[in-house]
Amino acid sequence: MADQEKALPIPAAWKNSYFWIAAILLVVGIIGLPFLFKDEAIRDPGQADEPRLWLIYFAGALIMFVGGVLSHKQTVQAYQEALEAKGKE
């Protein structure tokens, strides 16, 4: 029986959980905006009063988005290298 290799899955950004987490953090940050529901809507029970809590969520969303971009770029690069290596065989 010949060696059968599994086809390489094409990288898709929507499968990257970094982007999903960034979107959730962004939504929570929007909910906490001062002109919407304020910090009280996103503060955990018993959590100390944190002014501008929504900014922390926006910063977290930005960090997760940057991590997603870097992760996706690395995945695409690894996919291209695997295709090149497969083509040379």
Protein backbone atom coordinates (compact mmCIF):
# COMPACT_ATOMS: atom_id res chain seq x y z
CA MET A 1 0.00 0.00 0.00
CA ALA A 2 1.42 3.36 -1.03
CA ASP A 3 1.94 6.16 1.45
CA GLN A 4 -1.11 8.39 1.32
CA GLU A 5 -0.73 11.78 2.86
CA LYS A 6 -3.63 13.76 4.15
CA ALA A 7 -4.35 16.91 2.14
CA LEU A 8 -3.13 20.08 3.83
CA PRO A 9 -6.00 22.26 5.08
CA ILE A 10 -5.96 25.73 3.59
CA PRO A 11 -5.37 28.35 6.33
CA ALA A 12 -8.52 30.35 7.11
CA ALA A 13 -8.46 33.38 9.38
CA TRP A 14 -12.00 32.73 10.65
CA LYS A 15 -10.77 29.49 12.27
CA ASN A 16 -8.23 31.38 14.38
CA SER A 17 -9.54 31.71 17.93
CA TYR A 18 -7.46 34.87 18.51
CA PHE A 19 -9.84 36.74 16.19
CA TRP A 20 -12.92 35.31 17.93
CA ILE A 21 -11.64 36.32 21.36
CA ALA A 22 -10.75 39.79 20.05
CA ALA A 23 -14.30 40.19 18.72
CA ILE A 24 -15.82 39.14 22.04
CA LEU A 25 -13.59 41.56 23.97
CA LEU A 26 -14.51 44.33 21.54
CA VAL A 27 -18.23 43.70 22.05
CA VAL A 28 -17.83 43.68 25.85
CA GLY A 29 -15.82 46.91 25.62
CA ILE A 30 -18.55 48.53 23.53
CA ILE A 31 -21.18 47.48 26.07
CA GLY A 32 -19.14 49.19 28.79
CA LEU A 33 -18.81 52.52 27.00
CA PRO A 34 -19.83 55.47 29.19
CA PHE A 35 -22.69 56.54 26.90
CA LEU A 36 -24.15 53.01 26.71
CA PHE A 37 -24.35 50.79 29.79
CA LYS A 38 -21.26 52.06 31.65
CA ASP A 39 -18.66 50.04 33.56
CA GLU A 40 -21.29 48.54 35.86
CA ALA A 41 -22.53 46.35 33.01
CA ILE A 42 -19.17 44.64 32.53
CA ARG A 43 -17.75 44.65 36.06
CA ASP A 44 -17.62 41.30 37.86
CA PRO A 45 -19.54 41.03 41.14
CA GLY A 46 -17.25 42.07 43.98
CA GLN A 47 -14.64 43.53 41.61
CA ALA A 48 -13.00 46.74 42.77
CA ASP A 49 -14.11 49.94 41.07
CA GLU A 50 -11.95 50.31 37.97
CA PRO A 51 -12.42 53.58 36.09
CA ARG A 52 -12.61 53.20 32.31
CA LEU A 53 -12.83 49.41 32.45
CA TRP A 54 -14.00 49.44 28.83
CA LEU A 55 -10.54 50.69 27.78
CA ILE A 56 -8.96 47.57 29.27
CA TYR A 57 -11.28 45.43 27.16
CA PHE A 58 -10.42 47.44 24.04
CA ALA A 59 -6.70 47.03 24.78
CA GLY A 60 -7.21 43.29 25.24
CA ALA A 61 -9.10 43.12 21.94
CA LEU A 62 -6.27 44.93 20.16
CA ILE A 63 -3.65 42.63 21.66
CA MET A 64 -5.63 39.53 20.69
CA PHE A 65 -6.16 40.89 17.16
CA VAL A 66 -2.42 41.52 16.70
CA GLY A 67 -1.74 38.00 18.02
CA GLY A 68 -4.24 36.65 15.51
CA VAL A 69 -2.61 38.47 12.61
CA LEU A 70 0.83 37.18 13.59
CA SER A 71 -0.50 33.67 14.13
CA HIS A 72 -2.32 33.65 10.79
CA LYS A 73 0.74 34.94 8.92
CA GLN A 74 2.85 32.17 10.47
CA THR A 75 0.24 29.56 9.54
CA VAL A 76 0.12 30.78 5.94
CA GLN A 77 3.92 30.74 5.75
CA ALA A 78 4.09 27.18 7.12
CA TYR A 79 1.37 26.13 4.64
CA GLN A 80 3.30 27.61 1.71
CA GLU A 81 6.53 25.97 2.85
CA ALA A 82 4.76 22.62 3.15
CA LEU A 83 3.36 22.99 -0.36
CA GLU A 84 6.81 23.84 -1.71
CA ALA A 85 8.36 20.84 0.06
CA LYS A 86 5.61 18.61 -1.28
CA GLY A 87 6.21 19.92 -4.81
CA LYS A 88 9.95 19.14 -4.63
CA GLU A 89 9.39 15.50 -3.76
